[in-house]
Amino acid sequence: MLEGNKIKMEDYSLDRMLQDLSNGFGLYFDYNNNRYLVFKVNDNCYSQELITIREKSPHAVRSLISLKALKEMYTFMSDFEYKA
C-alpha cells in the first residue's frame, strides 16, 4: 500500500483519509492541477493550504473548509502523501 510515503490511490478510502486527519496527520494531495496540504483543525473544520503557487492564480493560499467540502473534493483528489 505504501511506496515510500506515497499511497496508492486505489487502496486509499475516504474513511481512511478522515481517520488519518483525525489522528493528527497532514495530507498532501493534488486537486485541479494544484498541490494542497490539508489538516484537521477542529470537528468539521479543516485547514487547506495551496502548495503549488502560480502567478495570477485565483485560488486562495489558505482557507478553512468543512467536512462536507472535503468529502465532495475526495473523488477528484490524487497523489496522496503524508505529512507527520
N, C-alpha and C. Protein backbone atom coordinates (compact mmCIF):
# COMPACT_ATOMS: atom_id res chain seq x y z
N MET A 1 0.80 -1.19 0.00
CA MET A 1 0.00 0.00 0.00
C MET A 1 0.85 1.26 0.00
N LEU A 2 1.90 1.29 0.78
CA LEU A 2 2.76 2.47 0.82
C LEU A 2 3.99 2.26 -0.04
N GLU A 3 4.33 3.23 -0.83
CA GLU A 3 5.57 3.24 -1.59
C GLU A 3 6.32 4.48 -1.13
N GLY A 4 7.33 4.30 -0.28
CA GLY A 4 7.93 5.47 0.36
C GLY A 4 6.88 6.01 1.31
N ASN A 5 6.53 7.27 1.16
CA ASN A 5 5.41 7.79 1.94
C ASN A 5 4.25 8.19 1.03
N LYS A 6 4.25 7.69 -0.21
CA LYS A 6 3.13 7.89 -1.13
C LYS A 6 2.18 6.70 -1.01
N ILE A 7 0.91 6.95 -1.21
CA ILE A 7 -0.12 5.94 -1.04
C ILE A 7 -0.76 5.65 -2.39
N LYS A 8 -0.95 4.37 -2.69
CA LYS A 8 -1.65 4.02 -3.92
C LYS A 8 -3.11 4.44 -3.80
N MET A 9 -3.60 5.17 -4.77
CA MET A 9 -4.94 5.72 -4.72
C MET A 9 -6.01 4.64 -4.61
N GLU A 10 -5.86 3.54 -5.31
CA GLU A 10 -6.90 2.52 -5.29
C GLU A 10 -7.05 1.87 -3.91
N ASP A 11 -6.04 1.99 -3.05
CA ASP A 11 -6.10 1.42 -1.70
C ASP A 11 -6.52 2.44 -0.65
N TYR A 12 -6.70 3.68 -1.02
CA TYR A 12 -6.95 4.75 -0.05
C TYR A 12 -8.42 5.18 -0.12
N SER A 13 -9.12 5.03 0.99
CA SER A 13 -10.55 5.34 1.02
C SER A 13 -10.80 6.65 1.76
N LEU A 14 -11.99 7.18 1.60
CA LEU A 14 -12.38 8.40 2.30
C LEU A 14 -12.34 8.19 3.81
N ASP A 15 -12.80 7.04 4.27
CA ASP A 15 -12.78 6.75 5.71
C ASP A 15 -11.35 6.73 6.25
N ARG A 16 -10.45 6.15 5.49
CA ARG A 16 -9.04 6.11 5.91
C ARG A 16 -8.45 7.51 5.95
N MET A 17 -8.78 8.35 4.96
CA MET A 17 -8.28 9.72 4.94
C MET A 17 -8.78 10.49 6.17
N LEU A 18 -10.06 10.37 6.48
CA LEU A 18 -10.61 11.09 7.63
C LEU A 18 -10.02 10.59 8.94
N GLN A 19 -9.76 9.29 9.02
CA GLN A 19 -9.13 8.72 10.21
C GLN A 19 -7.70 9.27 10.36
N ASP A 20 -6.95 9.31 9.27
CA ASP A 20 -5.59 9.84 9.32
C ASP A 20 -5.57 11.31 9.73
N LEU A 21 -6.50 12.09 9.20
CA LEU A 21 -6.58 13.50 9.57
C LEU A 21 -6.95 13.65 11.04
N SER A 22 -7.85 12.81 11.54
CA SER A 22 -8.24 12.85 12.96
C SER A 22 -7.08 12.45 13.87
N ASN A 23 -6.18 11.61 13.37
CA ASN A 23 -5.02 11.17 14.15
C ASN A 23 -3.87 12.17 14.11
N GLY A 24 -4.08 13.33 13.49
CA GLY A 24 -3.08 14.38 13.53
C GLY A 24 -2.18 14.47 12.32
N PHE A 25 -2.38 13.62 11.34
CA PHE A 25 -1.56 13.69 10.13
C PHE A 25 -2.03 14.83 9.24
N GLY A 26 -1.09 15.45 8.56
CA GLY A 26 -1.42 16.34 7.46
C GLY A 26 -1.37 15.51 6.20
N LEU A 27 -2.06 15.95 5.18
CA LEU A 27 -2.13 15.16 3.96
C LEU A 27 -1.93 16.06 2.75
N TYR A 28 -0.90 15.74 1.96
CA TYR A 28 -0.69 16.42 0.68
C TYR A 28 -1.49 15.67 -0.37
N PHE A 29 -2.06 16.41 -1.31
CA PHE A 29 -2.76 15.79 -2.42
C PHE A 29 -2.85 16.76 -3.59
N ASP A 30 -3.11 16.20 -4.76
CA ASP A 30 -3.33 17.00 -5.97
C ASP A 30 -4.82 17.12 -6.20
N TYR A 31 -5.24 18.33 -6.57
CA TYR A 31 -6.65 18.60 -6.85
C TYR A 31 -6.70 19.74 -7.86
N ASN A 32 -7.34 19.51 -8.99
CA ASN A 32 -7.44 20.54 -10.05
C ASN A 32 -6.08 21.09 -10.46
N ASN A 33 -5.13 20.21 -10.69
CA ASN A 33 -3.78 20.58 -11.13
C ASN A 33 -3.02 21.44 -10.13
N ASN A 34 -3.42 21.42 -8.88
CA ASN A 34 -2.72 22.13 -7.81
C ASN A 34 -2.40 21.15 -6.69
N ARG A 35 -1.34 21.44 -5.94
CA ARG A 35 -0.94 20.62 -4.80
C ARG A 35 -1.40 21.32 -3.53
N TYR A 36 -2.05 20.58 -2.64
CA TYR A 36 -2.57 21.14 -1.40
C TYR A 36 -2.08 20.35 -0.20
N LEU A 37 -2.10 21.01 0.96
CA LEU A 37 -1.87 20.36 2.25
C LEU A 37 -3.13 20.62 3.07
N VAL A 38 -3.70 19.56 3.63
CA VAL A 38 -4.89 19.71 4.47
C VAL A 38 -4.64 19.02 5.80
N PHE A 39 -5.15 19.64 6.89
CA PHE A 39 -5.10 19.00 8.19
C PHE A 39 -6.31 19.44 9.01
N LYS A 40 -6.63 18.64 10.00
CA LYS A 40 -7.82 18.87 10.81
C LYS A 40 -7.54 19.94 11.85
N VAL A 41 -8.43 20.91 11.96
CA VAL A 41 -8.31 21.97 12.94
C VAL A 41 -9.23 21.69 14.13
N ASN A 42 -10.47 21.32 13.83
CA ASN A 42 -11.48 21.06 14.84
C ASN A 42 -12.55 20.15 14.23
N ASP A 43 -13.55 19.77 15.00
CA ASP A 43 -14.64 18.97 14.42
C ASP A 43 -15.26 19.74 13.27
N ASN A 44 -15.38 19.08 12.13
CA ASN A 44 -15.99 19.64 10.92
C ASN A 44 -15.23 20.85 10.37
N CYS A 45 -13.96 21.02 10.71
CA CYS A 45 -13.19 22.17 10.24
C CYS A 45 -11.78 21.71 9.85
N TYR A 46 -11.40 21.99 8.62
CA TYR A 46 -10.10 21.57 8.10
C TYR A 46 -9.40 22.77 7.48
N SER A 47 -8.09 22.84 7.64
CA SER A 47 -7.30 23.90 7.03
C SER A 47 -6.72 23.37 5.72
N GLN A 48 -6.87 24.15 4.66
CA GLN A 48 -6.37 23.77 3.35
C GLN A 48 -5.36 24.82 2.90
N GLU A 49 -4.15 24.39 2.57
CA GLU A 49 -3.10 25.31 2.14
C GLU A 49 -2.66 24.95 0.73
N LEU A 50 -2.63 25.95 -0.13
CA LEU A 50 -2.19 25.76 -1.50
C LEU A 50 -0.66 25.70 -1.52
N ILE A 51 -0.11 24.61 -2.00
CA ILE A 51 1.34 24.43 -2.06
C ILE A 51 1.88 24.90 -3.41
N THR A 52 1.17 24.58 -4.48
CA THR A 52 1.55 24.98 -5.83
C THR A 52 1.04 26.40 -6.07
N ILE A 53 1.94 27.36 -5.98
CA ILE A 53 1.53 28.75 -6.16
C ILE A 53 1.99 29.23 -7.53
N ARG A 54 1.02 29.63 -8.33
CA ARG A 54 1.29 30.14 -9.68
C ARG A 54 0.93 31.61 -9.73
N GLU A 55 1.60 32.35 -10.60
CA GLU A 55 1.26 33.76 -10.79
C GLU A 55 -0.16 33.87 -11.29
N LYS A 56 -0.85 34.86 -10.82
CA LYS A 56 -2.21 35.17 -11.25
C LYS A 56 -3.18 34.01 -11.02
N SER A 57 -2.94 33.24 -9.99
CA SER A 57 -3.83 32.14 -9.65
C SER A 57 -5.00 32.68 -8.82
N PRO A 58 -6.23 32.32 -9.16
CA PRO A 58 -7.38 32.81 -8.40
C PRO A 58 -7.64 32.04 -7.10
N HIS A 59 -6.85 30.99 -6.83
CA HIS A 59 -7.07 30.15 -5.66
C HIS A 59 -6.47 30.79 -4.41
N ALA A 60 -7.20 30.70 -3.30
CA ALA A 60 -6.71 31.21 -2.02
C ALA A 60 -5.54 30.36 -1.54
N VAL A 61 -4.54 31.01 -0.95
CA VAL A 61 -3.37 30.29 -0.45
C VAL A 61 -3.75 29.46 0.77
N ARG A 62 -4.55 30.02 1.66
CA ARG A 62 -5.02 29.29 2.85
C ARG A 62 -6.51 29.50 2.99
N SER A 63 -7.19 28.43 3.37
CA SER A 63 -8.64 28.55 3.60
C SER A 63 -9.08 27.47 4.58
N LEU A 64 -10.20 27.71 5.21
CA LEU A 64 -10.82 26.72 6.07
C LEU A 64 -11.97 26.10 5.30
N ILE A 65 -12.06 24.78 5.35
CA ILE A 65 -13.13 24.09 4.63
C ILE A 65 -13.84 23.15 5.59
N SER A 66 -15.06 22.81 5.25
CA SER A 66 -15.87 21.92 6.09
C SER A 66 -15.64 20.47 5.70
N LEU A 67 -16.14 19.59 6.53
CA LEU A 67 -16.07 18.16 6.25
C LEU A 67 -16.84 17.85 4.97
N LYS A 68 -17.97 18.51 4.77
CA LYS A 68 -18.77 18.29 3.56
C LYS A 68 -17.96 18.64 2.31
N ALA A 69 -17.26 19.77 2.34
CA ALA A 69 -16.44 20.18 1.19
C ALA A 69 -15.31 19.18 0.94
N LEU A 70 -14.70 18.70 2.01
CA LEU A 70 -13.62 17.72 1.88
C LEU A 70 -14.13 16.42 1.26
N LYS A 71 -15.31 15.98 1.66
CA LYS A 71 -15.90 14.77 1.10
C LYS A 71 -16.22 14.96 -0.39
N GLU A 72 -16.69 16.14 -0.76
CA GLU A 72 -17.00 16.41 -2.17
C GLU A 72 -15.74 16.46 -3.02
N MET A 73 -14.64 16.94 -2.46
CA MET A 73 -13.38 17.02 -3.19
C MET A 73 -12.70 15.67 -3.36
N TYR A 74 -12.96 14.73 -2.43
CA TYR A 74 -12.24 13.47 -2.38
C TYR A 74 -12.21 12.73 -3.71
N THR A 75 -13.30 12.70 -4.41
CA THR A 75 -13.40 11.98 -5.68
C THR A 75 -12.36 12.47 -6.70
N PHE A 76 -11.99 13.74 -6.61
CA PHE A 76 -11.10 14.35 -7.59
C PHE A 76 -9.66 14.49 -7.09
N MET A 77 -9.38 13.99 -5.90
CA MET A 77 -8.03 14.07 -5.33
C MET A 77 -7.17 12.94 -5.87
N SER A 78 -5.86 13.19 -5.94
CA SER A 78 -4.92 12.14 -6.37
C SER A 78 -3.57 12.39 -5.72
N ASP A 79 -2.68 11.42 -5.85
CA ASP A 79 -1.28 11.53 -5.39
C ASP A 79 -1.17 11.92 -3.92
N PHE A 80 -1.77 11.13 -3.05
CA PHE A 80 -1.74 11.41 -1.61
C PHE A 80 -0.35 11.18 -1.03
N GLU A 81 0.00 12.00 -0.03
CA GLU A 81 1.28 11.85 0.66
C GLU A 81 1.11 12.38 2.08
N TYR A 82 1.62 11.64 3.06
CA TYR A 82 1.53 12.04 4.47
C TYR A 82 2.49 13.17 4.82
N LYS A 83 2.08 13.98 5.77
CA LYS A 83 2.98 14.92 6.44
C LYS A 83 2.83 14.64 7.93
N ALA A 84 3.90 14.25 8.59
CA ALA A 84 3.84 13.92 10.02
C ALA A 84 3.86 15.15 10.88
